[in-house]
């Protein structure tokens, strides 16, 4: 995993401390992380693991350890992502029965991942006439797999979402990030470049999403040892974020930190 700090959240959903999501209390989040870490550590001592399985579990364990280092911050990021995922389902109004949409939203909000997986599987299997709905269901299943620190499964769903709706940059970015996590940096670059091209056309140079994709491209290129390319993308991301946010913003500090690393 590179030390470049990649950003997987698309600007749009605002989180504040007063937001309440039923069924996902902070204490439960902390205990779930501790349980995940314990389970992964136990799996890693198994002598029956293949090298590929071992590497996969090590990646999962590293992510859980990262989240536990800043439990409050990782929890807030988790809540923000839940809000984003719930709000995305409103876009499916008219394509799916309201009952299914509301049940899926409630399952995500309440942390009922097994129920959410069942609902999205049902949507994806039955939504062929509504490609956008099937793509969103695949994306949501990817998020559920990512929540479970199962990156191979998450990538499978994100990739399907990009095939069903290749113009949705949220899907492309998620597929790129998961590809990077799995060490497939060439594939990650393909996804990021496609997302960058789409949002450059839609929003122009100085948009937060454009800076995010360039930052992520820098992270992929540095992992391949292409430092000049890394610096090129990171300098563009910094210039854009400076125009958007000004000097005293975490994104600007992150861009400068990434440049220093490169």
C-alpha atoms as a PDB file:
ATOM      1  CA  UNK A   1       0.000   0.000   0.000  1.00  0.00           C
ATOM      2  CA  UNK A   2       1.447   3.360  -0.998  1.00  0.00           C
ATOM      3  CA  UNK A   3       1.909   6.215   1.437  1.00  0.00           C
ATOM      4  CA  UNK A   4       0.155   8.500  -1.016  1.00  0.00           C
ATOM      5  CA  UNK A   5      -3.137   9.449   0.631  1.00  0.00           C
ATOM      6  CA  UNK A   6      -5.873   8.591  -1.855  1.00  0.00           C
ATOM      7  CA  UNK A   7      -9.357  10.048  -1.526  1.00  0.00           C
ATOM      8  CA  UNK A   8     -12.311   7.836  -2.283  1.00  0.00           C
ATOM      9  CA  UNK A   9     -15.119  10.183  -1.257  1.00  0.00           C
ATOM     10  CA  UNK A  10     -16.791  12.231  -3.942  1.00  0.00           C
ATOM     11  CA  UNK A  11     -17.773  15.697  -2.754  1.00  0.00           C
ATOM     12  CA  UNK A  12     -21.481  16.101  -2.171  1.00  0.00           C
ATOM     13  CA  UNK A  13     -22.778  14.678   1.116  1.00  0.00           C
ATOM     14  CA  UNK A  14     -22.326  16.775   4.237  1.00  0.00           C
ATOM     15  CA  UNK A  15     -21.807  15.017   7.576  1.00  0.00           C
ATOM     16  CA  UNK A  16     -22.327  16.657  10.930  1.00  0.00           C
ATOM     17  CA  UNK A  17     -22.121  15.287  14.444  1.00  0.00           C
ATOM     18  CA  UNK A  18     -25.877  15.609  15.042  1.00  0.00           C
ATOM     19  CA  UNK A  19     -26.730  13.176  12.239  1.00  0.00           C
ATOM     20  CA  UNK A  20     -28.255   9.994  13.657  1.00  0.00           C
ATOM     21  CA  UNK A  21     -28.221   6.703  11.792  1.00  0.00           C
ATOM     22  CA  UNK A  22     -30.191   4.054  13.694  1.00  0.00           C
ATOM     23  CA  UNK A  23     -28.408   0.857  14.511  1.00  0.00           C
ATOM     24  CA  UNK A  24     -24.819   2.035  13.873  1.00  0.00           C
ATOM     25  CA  UNK A  25     -23.658   3.397  17.255  1.00  0.00           C
ATOM     26  CA  UNK A  26     -20.014   4.255  17.789  1.00  0.00           C
ATOM     27  CA  UNK A  27     -19.503   1.559  20.432  1.00  0.00           C
ATOM     28  CA  UNK A  28     -20.797  -1.104  18.041  1.00  0.00           C
ATOM     29  CA  UNK A  29     -18.447   0.207  15.344  1.00  0.00           C
ATOM     30  CA  UNK A  30     -15.485  -0.119  17.724  1.00  0.00           C
ATOM     31  CA  UNK A  31     -16.393  -3.626  18.879  1.00  0.00           C
ATOM     32  CA  UNK A  32     -16.967  -4.757  15.281  1.00  0.00           C
ATOM     33  CA  UNK A  33     -13.496  -3.515  14.304  1.00  0.00           C
ATOM     34  CA  UNK A  34     -11.929  -5.358  17.247  1.00  0.00           C
ATOM     35  CA  UNK A  35     -13.766  -8.550  16.288  1.00  0.00           C
ATOM     36  CA  UNK A  36     -12.683  -8.220  12.639  1.00  0.00           C
ATOM     37  CA  UNK A  37      -9.059  -7.782  13.690  1.00  0.00           C
ATOM     38  CA  UNK A  38      -9.180 -10.820  15.969  1.00  0.00           C
ATOM     39  CA  UNK A  39     -10.812 -12.981  13.277  1.00  0.00           C
ATOM     40  CA  UNK A  40      -8.282 -11.933  10.616  1.00  0.00           C
ATOM     41  CA  UNK A  41      -5.323 -12.536  12.924  1.00  0.00           C
ATOM     42  CA  UNK A  42      -6.634 -16.033  13.640  1.00  0.00           C
ATOM     43  CA  UNK A  43      -7.072 -16.748   9.935  1.00  0.00           C
ATOM     44  CA  UNK A  44      -3.537 -15.602   9.148  1.00  0.00           C
ATOM     45  CA  UNK A  45      -1.975 -18.254  11.385  1.00  0.00           C
ATOM     46  CA  UNK A  46      -3.742 -21.016   9.455  1.00  0.00           C
ATOM     47  CA  UNK A  47      -1.276 -23.281   7.649  1.00  0.00           C
ATOM     48  CA  UNK A  48      -3.801 -24.090   4.933  1.00  0.00           C
ATOM     49  CA  UNK A  49      -3.788 -20.608   3.366  1.00  0.00           C
ATOM     50  CA  UNK A  50      -2.392 -20.146  -0.116  1.00  0.00           C
ATOM     51  CA  UNK A  51       0.010 -17.255  -0.682  1.00  0.00           C
ATOM     52  CA  UNK A  52      -2.698 -15.300  -2.496  1.00  0.00           C
ATOM     53  CA  UNK A  53      -5.178 -15.851   0.355  1.00  0.00           C
ATOM     54  CA  UNK A  54      -2.556 -14.812   2.888  1.00  0.00           C
ATOM     55  CA  UNK A  55      -1.851 -11.574   1.015  1.00  0.00           C
ATOM     56  CA  UNK A  56      -5.575 -10.842   0.818  1.00  0.00           C
ATOM     57  CA  UNK A  57      -6.045 -11.338   4.573  1.00  0.00           C
ATOM     58  CA  UNK A  58      -2.971  -9.197   5.287  1.00  0.00           C
ATOM     59  CA  UNK A  59      -4.490  -6.357   3.237  1.00  0.00           C
ATOM     60  CA  UNK A  60      -7.756  -6.684   5.146  1.00  0.00           C
ATOM     61  CA  UNK A  61      -5.946  -6.712   8.493  1.00  0.00           C
ATOM     62  CA  UNK A  62      -3.923  -3.622   7.581  1.00  0.00           C
ATOM     63  CA  UNK A  63      -7.132  -1.737   6.761  1.00  0.00           C
ATOM     64  CA  UNK A  64      -8.795  -2.713  10.046  1.00  0.00           C
ATOM     65  CA  UNK A  65      -5.665  -1.698  11.969  1.00  0.00           C
ATOM     66  CA  UNK A  66      -5.690   1.661  10.158  1.00  0.00           C
ATOM     67  CA  UNK A  67      -9.330   2.204  11.130  1.00  0.00           C
ATOM     68  CA  UNK A  68      -8.647   1.310  14.763  1.00  0.00           C
ATOM     69  CA  UNK A  69      -5.826   3.855  14.977  1.00  0.00           C
ATOM     70  CA  UNK A  70      -8.457   6.581  14.505  1.00  0.00           C
ATOM     71  CA  UNK A  71     -11.743   4.996  15.534  1.00  0.00           C
ATOM     72  CA  UNK A  72     -13.651   8.287  15.746  1.00  0.00           C
ATOM     73  CA  UNK A  73     -12.392   9.489  12.376  1.00  0.00           C
ATOM     74  CA  UNK A  74     -13.040   6.168  10.652  1.00  0.00           C
ATOM     75  CA  UNK A  75     -16.512   6.026  12.205  1.00  0.00           C
ATOM     76  CA  UNK A  76     -17.383   9.510  10.945  1.00  0.00           C
ATOM     77  CA  UNK A  77     -16.111   8.585   7.475  1.00  0.00           C
ATOM     78  CA  UNK A  78     -18.261   5.444   7.644  1.00  0.00           C
ATOM     79  CA  UNK A  79     -21.373   7.452   8.572  1.00  0.00           C
ATOM     80  CA  UNK A  80     -20.713   9.949   5.787  1.00  0.00           C
ATOM     81  CA  UNK A  81     -20.422   7.099   3.305  1.00  0.00           C
ATOM     82  CA  UNK A  82     -23.674   5.559   4.574  1.00  0.00           C
ATOM     83  CA  UNK A  83     -25.454   8.881   4.012  1.00  0.00           C
ATOM     84  CA  UNK A  84     -24.063   9.026   0.497  1.00  0.00           C
ATOM     85  CA  UNK A  85     -25.158   5.476  -0.285  1.00  0.00           C
ATOM     86  CA  UNK A  86     -28.646   6.073   1.097  1.00  0.00           C
ATOM     87  CA  UNK A  87     -29.077   9.311  -0.859  1.00  0.00           C
ATOM     88  CA  UNK A  88     -28.014   7.567  -4.082  1.00  0.00           C
ATOM     89  CA  UNK A  89     -30.953   5.179  -3.792  1.00  0.00           C
ATOM     90  CA  UNK A  90     -33.399   8.071  -4.157  1.00  0.00           C
ATOM     91  CA  UNK A  91     -32.240   8.324  -7.782  1.00  0.00           C
ATOM     92  CA  UNK A  92     -33.885   4.954  -8.446  1.00  0.00           C
ATOM     93  CA  UNK A  93     -37.372   6.319  -7.775  1.00  0.00           C
ATOM     94  CA  UNK A  94     -39.646   5.313 -10.653  1.00  0.00           C
ATOM     95  CA  UNK A  95     -37.335   2.492 -11.714  1.00  0.00           C
ATOM     96  CA  UNK A  96     -38.038   0.243  -8.736  1.00  0.00           C
ATOM     97  CA  UNK A  97     -40.971  -0.147  -6.341  1.00  0.00           C
ATOM     98  CA  UNK A  98     -40.807   2.407  -3.540  1.00  0.00           C
ATOM     99  CA  UNK A  99     -41.052  -0.451  -1.012  1.00  0.00           C
ATOM    100  CA  UNK A 100     -37.796  -2.026  -2.183  1.00  0.00           C
ATOM    101  CA  UNK A 101     -35.991   1.317  -2.189  1.00  0.00           C
ATOM    102  CA  UNK A 102     -37.143   2.128   1.348  1.00  0.00           C
ATOM    103  CA  UNK A 103     -36.283  -1.373   2.605  1.00  0.00           C
ATOM    104  CA  UNK A 104     -32.793  -1.108   1.107  1.00  0.00           C
ATOM    105  CA  UNK A 105     -32.245   2.354   2.600  1.00  0.00           C
ATOM    106  CA  UNK A 106     -33.362   1.144   6.024  1.00  0.00           C
ATOM    107  CA  UNK A 107     -31.105  -1.924   5.832  1.00  0.00           C
ATOM    108  CA  UNK A 108     -28.058   0.226   5.048  1.00  0.00           C
ATOM    109  CA  UNK A 109     -28.936   2.758   7.751  1.00  0.00           C
ATOM    110  CA  UNK A 110     -29.421   0.068  10.390  1.00  0.00           C
ATOM    111  CA  UNK A 111     -26.273  -1.848   9.535  1.00  0.00           C
ATOM    112  CA  UNK A 112     -28.278  -4.906   8.413  1.00  0.00           C
ATOM    113  CA  UNK A 113     -25.756  -5.876   5.754  1.00  0.00           C
ATOM    114  CA  UNK A 114     -27.090  -9.388   5.137  1.00  0.00           C
ATOM    115  CA  UNK A 115     -30.552  -7.994   4.408  1.00  0.00           C
ATOM    116  CA  UNK A 116     -29.089  -5.234   2.243  1.00  0.00           C
ATOM    117  CA  UNK A 117     -27.078  -7.794   0.255  1.00  0.00           C
ATOM    118  CA  UNK A 118     -30.220  -9.886  -0.282  1.00  0.00           C
ATOM    119  CA  UNK A 119     -32.206  -6.867  -1.484  1.00  0.00           C
ATOM    120  CA  UNK A 120     -29.506  -5.626  -3.847  1.00  0.00           C
ATOM    121  CA  UNK A 121     -28.991  -9.102  -5.245  1.00  0.00           C
ATOM    122  CA  UNK A 122     -32.717  -9.219  -5.958  1.00  0.00           C
ATOM    123  CA  UNK A 123     -32.603  -5.779  -7.594  1.00  0.00           C
ATOM    124  CA  UNK A 124     -29.585  -6.641  -9.720  1.00  0.00           C
ATOM    125  CA  UNK A 125     -31.115  -9.917 -10.917  1.00  0.00           C
ATOM    126  CA  UNK A 126     -34.501  -8.399 -11.740  1.00  0.00           C
ATOM    127  CA  UNK A 127     -33.466  -4.975 -13.045  1.00  0.00           C
ATOM    128  CA  UNK A 128     -32.344  -5.832 -16.582  1.00  0.00           C
ATOM    129  CA  UNK A 129     -34.910  -3.451 -18.115  1.00  0.00           C
ATOM    130  CA  UNK A 130     -33.539  -0.761 -15.795  1.00  0.00           C
ATOM    131  CA  UNK A 131     -29.788  -0.788 -16.350  1.00  0.00           C
ATOM    132  CA  UNK A 132     -29.161   2.166 -14.036  1.00  0.00           C
ATOM    133  CA  UNK A 133     -30.870   0.330 -11.185  1.00  0.00           C
ATOM    134  CA  UNK A 134     -28.858  -2.840 -11.813  1.00  0.00           C
ATOM    135  CA  UNK A 135     -25.627  -0.802 -11.887  1.00  0.00           C
ATOM    136  CA  UNK A 136     -26.473   0.949  -8.631  1.00  0.00           C
ATOM    137  CA  UNK A 137     -27.324  -2.390  -7.017  1.00  0.00           C
ATOM    138  CA  UNK A 138     -23.930  -3.767  -8.090  1.00  0.00           C
ATOM    139  CA  UNK A 139     -22.208  -0.677  -6.658  1.00  0.00           C
ATOM    140  CA  UNK A 140     -24.057  -1.006  -3.360  1.00  0.00           C
ATOM    141  CA  UNK A 141     -23.089  -4.682  -3.174  1.00  0.00           C
ATOM    142  CA  UNK A 142     -19.497  -3.590  -3.717  1.00  0.00           C
ATOM    143  CA  UNK A 143     -19.781  -1.225  -0.761  1.00  0.00           C
ATOM    144  CA  UNK A 144     -21.182  -4.004   1.396  1.00  0.00           C
ATOM    145  CA  UNK A 145     -18.267  -6.251   0.421  1.00  0.00           C
ATOM    146  CA  UNK A 146     -15.839  -3.419   1.133  1.00  0.00           C
ATOM    147  CA  UNK A 147     -17.444  -2.926   4.553  1.00  0.00           C
ATOM    148  CA  UNK A 148     -16.621  -6.583   5.180  1.00  0.00           C
ATOM    149  CA  UNK A 149     -12.999  -5.896   4.046  1.00  0.00           C
ATOM    150  CA  UNK A 150     -13.505  -8.302   1.128  1.00  0.00           C
ATOM    151  CA  UNK A 151     -11.741  -6.420  -1.656  1.00  0.00           C
ATOM    152  CA  UNK A 152     -11.835  -9.138  -4.304  1.00  0.00           C
ATOM    153  CA  UNK A 153     -15.614  -9.412  -3.980  1.00  0.00           C
ATOM    154  CA  UNK A 154     -15.957  -5.620  -3.864  1.00  0.00           C
ATOM    155  CA  UNK A 155     -13.977  -5.240  -7.084  1.00  0.00           C
ATOM    156  CA  UNK A 156     -16.174  -7.805  -8.835  1.00  0.00           C
ATOM    157  CA  UNK A 157     -19.283  -5.745  -8.047  1.00  0.00           C
ATOM    158  CA  UNK A 158     -17.698  -2.381  -8.835  1.00  0.00           C
ATOM    159  CA  UNK A 159     -16.456  -3.718 -12.153  1.00  0.00           C
ATOM    160  CA  UNK A 160     -19.961  -4.919 -13.027  1.00  0.00           C
ATOM    161  CA  UNK A 161     -21.341  -1.493 -12.125  1.00  0.00           C
ATOM    162  CA  UNK A 162     -18.880   0.159 -14.514  1.00  0.00           C
ATOM    163  CA  UNK A 163     -19.874  -2.245 -17.273  1.00  0.00           C
ATOM    164  CA  UNK A 164     -23.567  -1.527 -16.793  1.00  0.00           C
ATOM    165  CA  UNK A 165     -23.108   2.249 -16.487  1.00  0.00           C
ATOM    166  CA  UNK A 166     -19.657   3.258 -17.780  1.00  0.00           C
ATOM    167  CA  UNK A 167     -20.365   6.998 -17.451  1.00  0.00           C
ATOM    168  CA  UNK A 168     -20.899   6.980 -13.666  1.00  0.00           C
ATOM    169  CA  UNK A 169     -17.627   8.252 -12.204  1.00  0.00           C
ATOM    170  CA  UNK A 170     -18.453   7.121  -8.653  1.00  0.00           C
ATOM    171  CA  UNK A 171     -18.381   3.521  -9.904  1.00  0.00           C
ATOM    172  CA  UNK A 172     -15.159   4.069 -11.841  1.00  0.00           C
ATOM    173  CA  UNK A 173     -13.403   5.662  -8.883  1.00  0.00           C
ATOM    174  CA  UNK A 174     -14.460   2.847  -6.532  1.00  0.00           C
ATOM    175  CA  UNK A 175     -13.253   0.234  -9.024  1.00  0.00           C
ATOM    176  CA  UNK A 176      -9.959   2.115  -9.312  1.00  0.00           C
ATOM    177  CA  UNK A 177      -9.430   2.347  -5.572  1.00  0.00           C
ATOM    178  CA  UNK A 178     -10.162  -1.338  -5.104  1.00  0.00           C
ATOM    179  CA  UNK A 179      -7.808  -2.211  -7.964  1.00  0.00           C
ATOM    180  CA  UNK A 180      -5.078  -0.205  -6.213  1.00  0.00           C
ATOM    181  CA  UNK A 181      -5.786  -1.972  -2.932  1.00  0.00           C
ATOM    182  CA  UNK A 182      -5.394  -5.317  -4.719  1.00  0.00           C
ATOM    183  CA  UNK A 183      -2.115  -4.155  -6.263  1.00  0.00           C
ATOM    184  CA  UNK A 184      -3.425  -3.901  -9.838  1.00  0.00           C
ATOM    185  CA  UNK A 185      -2.207  -0.354 -10.462  1.00  0.00           C
ATOM    186  CA  UNK A 186      -2.365  -0.470 -14.272  1.00  0.00           C
ATOM    187  CA  UNK A 187      -6.070  -1.329 -14.060  1.00  0.00           C
ATOM    188  CA  UNK A 188      -6.613   1.353 -11.428  1.00  0.00           C
ATOM    189  CA  UNK A 189      -5.103   3.942 -13.772  1.00  0.00           C
ATOM    190  CA  UNK A 190      -7.544   2.922 -16.511  1.00  0.00           C
ATOM    191  CA  UNK A 191     -10.517   3.505 -14.209  1.00  0.00           C
ATOM    192  CA  UNK A 192      -9.191   6.819 -12.874  1.00  0.00           C
ATOM    193  CA  UNK A 193      -8.366   8.120 -16.351  1.00  0.00           C
ATOM    194  CA  UNK A 194     -11.869   7.293 -17.554  1.00  0.00           C
ATOM    195  CA  UNK A 195     -13.423   9.043 -14.544  1.00  0.00           C
ATOM    196  CA  UNK A 196     -11.138  12.049 -15.006  1.00  0.00           C
ATOM    197  CA  UNK A 197     -12.043  12.371 -18.681  1.00  0.00           C
ATOM    198  CA  UNK A 198     -15.783  12.298 -17.915  1.00  0.00           C
ATOM    199  CA  UNK A 199     -15.692  14.851 -15.105  1.00  0.00           C
ATOM    200  CA  UNK A 200     -13.281  17.156 -16.924  1.00  0.00           C
ATOM    201  CA  UNK A 201     -15.831  17.285 -19.708  1.00  0.00           C
ATOM    202  CA  UNK A 202     -18.717  17.785 -17.287  1.00  0.00           C
ATOM    203  CA  UNK A 203     -17.190  20.206 -14.755  1.00  0.00           C
ATOM    204  CA  UNK A 204     -13.930  21.612 -16.112  1.00  0.00           C
ATOM    205  CA  UNK A 205     -10.485  21.829 -14.535  1.00  0.00           C
ATOM    206  CA  UNK A 206     -11.227  23.270 -11.118  1.00  0.00           C
ATOM    207  CA  UNK A 207     -13.712  20.848  -9.616  1.00  0.00           C
ATOM    208  CA  UNK A 208     -13.094  18.779  -6.454  1.00  0.00           C
ATOM    209  CA  UNK A 209     -13.837  15.495  -8.234  1.00  0.00           C
ATOM    210  CA  UNK A 210     -11.214  16.256 -10.884  1.00  0.00           C
ATOM    211  CA  UNK A 211      -8.639  16.883  -8.138  1.00  0.00           C
ATOM    212  CA  UNK A 212      -9.612  13.612  -6.449  1.00  0.00           C
ATOM    213  CA  UNK A 213      -9.027  11.559  -9.596  1.00  0.00           C
ATOM    214  CA  UNK A 214      -5.680  13.271 -10.220  1.00  0.00           C
ATOM    215  CA  UNK A 215      -4.670  12.606  -6.631  1.00  0.00           C
ATOM    216  CA  UNK A 216      -5.624   8.953  -7.038  1.00  0.00           C
ATOM    217  CA  UNK A 217      -3.739   8.749 -10.341  1.00  0.00           C
ATOM    218  CA  UNK A 218      -0.695  10.067  -8.531  1.00  0.00           C
ATOM    219  CA  UNK A 219      -1.083   7.312  -5.955  1.00  0.00           C
ATOM    220  CA  UNK A 220      -1.253   4.643  -8.651  1.00  0.00           C
ATOM    221  CA  UNK A 221       1.716   5.996 -10.616  1.00  0.00           C
ATOM    222  CA  UNK A 222       3.940   6.297  -7.536  1.00  0.00           C
ATOM    223  CA  UNK A 223       3.260   2.628  -6.803  1.00  0.00           C
ATOM    224  CA  UNK A 224       4.638   1.849 -10.265  1.00  0.00           C
ATOM    225  CA  UNK A 225       7.746   3.940  -9.588  1.00  0.00           C
ATOM    226  CA  UNK A 226       6.763   6.616 -12.133  1.00  0.00           C
ATOM    227  CA  UNK A 227       7.572   9.634  -9.972  1.00  0.00           C
ATOM    228  CA  UNK A 228       7.535  12.272 -12.704  1.00  0.00           C
ATOM    229  CA  UNK A 229       4.010  11.250 -13.696  1.00  0.00           C
ATOM    230  CA  UNK A 230       3.045  11.188 -10.017  1.00  0.00           C
ATOM    231  CA  UNK A 231       4.289  14.733  -9.462  1.00  0.00           C
ATOM    232  CA  UNK A 232       2.558  15.955 -12.617  1.00  0.00           C
ATOM    233  CA  UNK A 233      -0.851  14.731 -11.440  1.00  0.00           C
ATOM    234  CA  UNK A 234      -0.360  15.824  -7.836  1.00  0.00           C
ATOM    235  CA  UNK A 235       0.678  19.349  -8.824  1.00  0.00           C
ATOM    236  CA  UNK A 236      -2.481  19.671 -10.913  1.00  0.00           C
ATOM    237  CA  UNK A 237      -4.564  18.397  -7.988  1.00  0.00           C
ATOM    238  CA  UNK A 238      -2.909  20.895  -5.633  1.00  0.00           C
ATOM    239  CA  UNK A 239      -3.480  23.826  -7.992  1.00  0.00           C
ATOM    240  CA  UNK A 240      -7.141  22.877  -8.331  1.00  0.00           C
ATOM    241  CA  UNK A 241      -7.707  22.407  -4.592  1.00  0.00           C
ATOM    242  CA  UNK A 242      -6.007  25.729  -3.839  1.00  0.00           C
ATOM    243  CA  UNK A 243      -8.505  27.479  -6.115  1.00  0.00           C
ATOM    244  CA  UNK A 244     -11.420  25.578  -4.598  1.00  0.00           C
ATOM    245  CA  UNK A 245     -10.534  25.688  -0.903  1.00  0.00           C
ATOM    246  CA  UNK A 246      -7.677  28.147  -0.327  1.00  0.00           C
ATOM    247  CA  UNK A 247      -4.523  27.576   1.694  1.00  0.00           C
ATOM    248  CA  UNK A 248      -5.915  26.357   5.015  1.00  0.00           C
ATOM    249  CA  UNK A 249      -7.824  23.225   4.051  1.00  0.00           C
ATOM    250  CA  UNK A 250      -7.095  19.525   4.781  1.00  0.00           C
ATOM    251  CA  UNK A 251      -7.244  18.617   1.081  1.00  0.00           C
ATOM    252  CA  UNK A 252      -4.529  21.159   0.285  1.00  0.00           C
ATOM    253  CA  UNK A 253      -2.374  19.869   3.151  1.00  0.00           C
ATOM    254  CA  UNK A 254      -2.896  16.312   1.916  1.00  0.00           C
ATOM    255  CA  UNK A 255      -1.907  17.263  -1.642  1.00  0.00           C
ATOM    256  CA  UNK A 256       1.290  18.888  -0.376  1.00  0.00           C
ATOM    257  CA  UNK A 257       2.084  15.871   1.800  1.00  0.00           C
ATOM    258  CA  UNK A 258       1.626  13.590  -1.205  1.00  0.00           C
ATOM    259  CA  UNK A 259       3.895  15.784  -3.308  1.00  0.00           C
ATOM    260  CA  UNK A 260       6.537  15.668  -0.614  1.00  0.00           C
ATOM    261  CA  UNK A 261       6.369  11.886  -0.526  1.00  0.00           C
ATOM    262  CA  UNK A 262       6.674  11.660  -4.321  1.00  0.00           C
END
